C-alpha atoms as a PDB file:
ATOM      1  CA  MET A   1     -42.836 -34.520  61.952  1.00  0.00           C
ATOM      2  CA  ARG A   2     -43.786 -34.538  65.619  1.00  0.00           C
ATOM      3  CA  ALA A   3     -41.986 -31.244  66.184  1.00  0.00           C
ATOM      4  CA  LEU A   4     -43.903 -29.731  63.274  1.00  0.00           C
ATOM      5  CA  LYS A   5     -47.242 -30.730  64.820  1.00  0.00           C
ATOM      6  CA  TYR A   6     -46.122 -29.344  68.163  1.00  0.00           C
ATOM      7  CA  CYS A   7     -45.162 -26.046  66.530  1.00  0.00           C
ATOM      8  CA  ALA A   8     -48.543 -25.919  64.804  1.00  0.00           C
ATOM      9  CA  ILE A   9     -50.359 -26.387  68.111  1.00  0.00           C
ATOM     10  CA  VAL A  10     -48.258 -23.760  69.867  1.00  0.00           C
ATOM     11  CA  SER A  11     -48.722 -21.255  67.042  1.00  0.00           C
ATOM     12  CA  MET A  12     -52.489 -21.846  67.013  1.00  0.00           C
ATOM     13  CA  ILE A  13     -52.623 -21.194  70.758  1.00  0.00           C
ATOM     14  CA  CYS A  14     -50.569 -18.023  70.364  1.00  0.00           C
ATOM     15  CA  VAL A  15     -52.782 -16.745  67.565  1.00  0.00           C
ATOM     16  CA  THR A  16     -55.892 -17.440  69.648  1.00  0.00           C
ATOM     17  CA  GLN A  17     -54.464 -15.633  72.667  1.00  0.00           C
ATOM     18  CA  VAL A  18     -53.412 -12.618  70.616  1.00  0.00           C
ATOM     19  CA  THR A  19     -56.830 -12.501  68.976  1.00  0.00           C
ATOM     20  CA  MET A  20     -58.525 -12.591  72.371  1.00  0.00           C
ATOM     21  CA  ALA A  21     -56.257  -9.847  73.700  1.00  0.00           C
ATOM     22  CA  ILE A  22     -57.006  -7.643  70.716  1.00  0.00           C
ATOM     23  CA  ALA A  23     -60.732  -8.368  71.010  1.00  0.00           C
ATOM     24  CA  THR A  24     -60.789  -7.136  74.601  1.00  0.00           C
ATOM     25  CA  GLU A  25     -59.150  -3.871  73.571  1.00  0.00           C
ATOM     26  CA  TYR A  26     -61.237  -3.289  70.465  1.00  0.00           C
ATOM     27  CA  LYS A  27     -64.996  -3.808  70.379  1.00  0.00           C
ATOM     28  CA  SER A  28     -65.833  -4.836  66.834  1.00  0.00           C
ATOM     29  CA  SER A  29     -69.285  -4.755  65.344  1.00  0.00           C
ATOM     30  CA  THR A  30     -71.292  -7.926  64.929  1.00  0.00           C
ATOM     31  CA  TYR A  31     -70.932  -7.611  61.156  1.00  0.00           C
ATOM     32  CA  GLN A  32     -67.138  -7.490  61.448  1.00  0.00           C
ATOM     33  CA  ARG A  33     -67.179 -10.532  63.718  1.00  0.00           C
ATOM     34  CA  GLN A  34     -69.426 -12.418  61.286  1.00  0.00           C
ATOM     35  CA  THR A  35     -67.127 -11.718  58.346  1.00  0.00           C
ATOM     36  CA  GLU A  36     -64.032 -12.635  60.379  1.00  0.00           C
ATOM     37  CA  LEU A  37     -65.589 -15.926  61.475  1.00  0.00           C
ATOM     38  CA  MET A  38     -66.611 -16.743  57.905  1.00  0.00           C
ATOM     39  CA  LYS A  39     -63.044 -16.053  56.796  1.00  0.00           C
ATOM     40  CA  ARG A  40     -61.721 -18.370  59.524  1.00  0.00           C
ATOM     41  CA  VAL A  41     -64.096 -21.127  58.408  1.00  0.00           C
ATOM     42  CA  ASN A  42     -63.075 -20.755  54.756  1.00  0.00           C
ATOM     43  CA  ASP A  43     -59.367 -20.649  55.598  1.00  0.00           C
ATOM     44  CA  GLY A  44     -59.741 -23.675  57.889  1.00  0.00           C
ATOM     45  CA  GLN A  45     -61.396 -25.679  55.142  1.00  0.00           C
ATOM     46  CA  LYS A  46     -58.780 -24.680  52.563  1.00  0.00           C
ATOM     47  CA  SER A  47     -55.940 -25.648  54.895  1.00  0.00           C
ATOM     48  CA  LYS A  48     -57.684 -28.948  55.750  1.00  0.00           C
ATOM     49  CA  GLU A  49     -57.960 -27.971  59.444  1.00  0.00           C
ATOM     50  CA  LEU A  50     -61.739 -28.360  59.058  1.00  0.00           C
ATOM     51  CA  THR A  51     -63.592 -30.994  57.079  1.00  0.00           C
ATOM     52  CA  VAL A  52     -66.108 -30.004  54.424  1.00  0.00           C
ATOM     53  CA  LYS A  53     -68.978 -31.136  56.653  1.00  0.00           C
ATOM     54  CA  GLN A  54     -67.688 -29.178  59.639  1.00  0.00           C
ATOM     55  CA  ALA A  55     -67.232 -26.041  57.535  1.00  0.00           C
ATOM     56  CA  LYS A  56     -70.746 -26.439  56.140  1.00  0.00           C
ATOM     57  CA  ASP A  57     -72.209 -26.773  59.649  1.00  0.00           C
ATOM     58  CA  LEU A  58     -70.293 -23.707  60.842  1.00  0.00           C
ATOM     59  CA  ARG A  59     -71.570 -21.707  57.868  1.00  0.00           C
ATOM     60  CA  LYS A  60     -75.107 -22.782  58.808  1.00  0.00           C
ATOM     61  CA  ASP A  61     -74.515 -21.524  62.346  1.00  0.00           C
ATOM     62  CA  LEU A  62     -73.323 -18.180  60.998  1.00  0.00           C
ATOM     63  CA  SER A  63     -76.312 -18.023  58.674  1.00  0.00           C
ATOM     64  CA  ARG A  64     -78.682 -18.597  61.593  1.00  0.00           C
ATOM     65  CA  VAL A  65     -76.998 -15.767  63.483  1.00  0.00           C
ATOM     66  CA  ALA A  66     -77.446 -13.455  60.493  1.00  0.00           C
ATOM     67  CA  VAL A  67     -81.139 -14.361  60.223  1.00  0.00           C
ATOM     68  CA  ARG A  68     -81.614 -13.793  63.950  1.00  0.00           C
ATOM     69  CA  LYS A  69     -79.846 -10.451  63.727  1.00  0.00           C
ATOM     70  CA  GLN A  70     -82.108  -9.329  60.889  1.00  0.00           C
ATOM     71  CA  LYS A  71     -85.229 -10.408  62.798  1.00  0.00           C
ATOM     72  CA  VAL A  72     -84.101  -8.335  65.780  1.00  0.00           C
ATOM     73  CA  ARG A  73     -83.615  -5.313  63.539  1.00  0.00           C
ATOM     74  CA  ASP A  74     -86.979  -5.782  61.842  1.00  0.00           C
ATOM     75  CA  ALA A  75     -88.878  -6.230  65.114  1.00  0.00           C
ATOM     76  CA  LYS A  76     -87.908  -2.858  66.573  1.00  0.00           C
ATOM     77  CA  PRO A  77     -86.408  -0.538  63.988  1.00  0.00           C
ATOM     78  CA  GLY A  78     -84.659   2.432  65.516  1.00  0.00           C
ATOM     79  CA  LYS A  79     -85.006   1.142  69.095  1.00  0.00           C
ATOM     80  CA  ASP A  80     -82.291   0.199  71.581  1.00  0.00           C
ATOM     81  CA  GLN A  81     -81.367  -3.390  70.804  1.00  0.00           C
ATOM     82  CA  SER A  82     -78.366  -3.815  73.090  1.00  0.00           C
ATOM     83  CA  GLU A  83     -80.061  -6.633  75.003  1.00  0.00           C
ATOM     84  CA  ASN A  84     -80.751  -8.619  71.843  1.00  0.00           C
ATOM     85  CA  ILE A  85     -77.339  -7.822  70.355  1.00  0.00           C
ATOM     86  CA  SER A  86     -75.671  -9.340  73.430  1.00  0.00           C
ATOM     87  CA  ASN A  87     -77.468 -12.608  72.601  1.00  0.00           C
ATOM     88  CA  ILE A  88     -76.103 -12.424  69.059  1.00  0.00           C
ATOM     89  CA  ASP A  89     -72.617 -11.706  70.426  1.00  0.00           C
ATOM     90  CA  GLU A  90     -72.897 -14.823  72.597  1.00  0.00           C
ATOM     91  CA  ARG A  91     -73.788 -16.917  69.558  1.00  0.00           C
ATOM     92  CA  LEU A  92     -70.831 -15.502  67.631  1.00  0.00           C
ATOM     93  CA  THR A  93     -68.548 -16.277  70.571  1.00  0.00           C
ATOM     94  CA  ASP A  94     -69.907 -19.824  70.723  1.00  0.00           C
ATOM     95  CA  THR A  95     -69.246 -20.258  66.996  1.00  0.00           C
ATOM     96  CA  SER A  96     -65.713 -18.926  67.400  1.00  0.00           C
ATOM     97  CA  GLU A  97     -65.038 -21.359  70.231  1.00  0.00           C
ATOM     98  CA  LYS A  98     -66.526 -24.185  68.148  1.00  0.00           C
ATOM     99  CA  ILE A  99     -64.141 -23.359  65.273  1.00  0.00           C
ATOM    100  CA  ASP A 100     -61.159 -23.505  67.614  1.00  0.00           C
ATOM    101  CA  ARG A 101     -62.370 -26.734  69.238  1.00  0.00           C
ATOM    102  CA  LEU A 102     -62.945 -28.493  65.895  1.00  0.00           C
ATOM    103  CA  LYS A 103     -59.553 -27.432  64.574  1.00  0.00           C
ATOM    104  CA  ARG A 104     -57.875 -28.676  67.751  1.00  0.00           C
ATOM    105  CA  GLU A 105     -59.749 -32.007  67.647  1.00  0.00           C
ATOM    106  CA  ASN A 106     -58.876 -32.548  63.991  1.00  0.00           C
ATOM    107  CA  LEU A 107     -55.232 -31.794  64.713  1.00  0.00           C
ATOM    108  CA  GLU A 108     -55.203 -34.302  67.577  1.00  0.00           C
ATOM    109  CA  LYS A 109     -56.857 -36.972  65.403  1.00  0.00           C
ATOM    110  CA  SER A 110     -54.204 -36.558  62.733  1.00  0.00           C
ATOM    111  CA  LYS A 111     -51.430 -37.434  65.176  1.00  0.00           C
END
């Protein structure tokens, strides 16, 4: 059982590192990142890596990012929004890190 938990931790770290390596090579759109993060939240809840409350809070975070993104678009349609998009990218990165942290904490608690 202990070896299984160890393998799960190692595989999660490997997946995270591969994802980060791919992300540096390929610049995805904010929409693609949002959908990928939502998929990670849903998969984490289904696999019991995230609690229902944690998944709900993460979905709220992603919803806030989507609202913020729409407000940026509405404020200056057709204008350069790279400065504001970088803020949205930071929020998506923070949410991604929060997903990983919560999964890791839940795994450690289950030991």
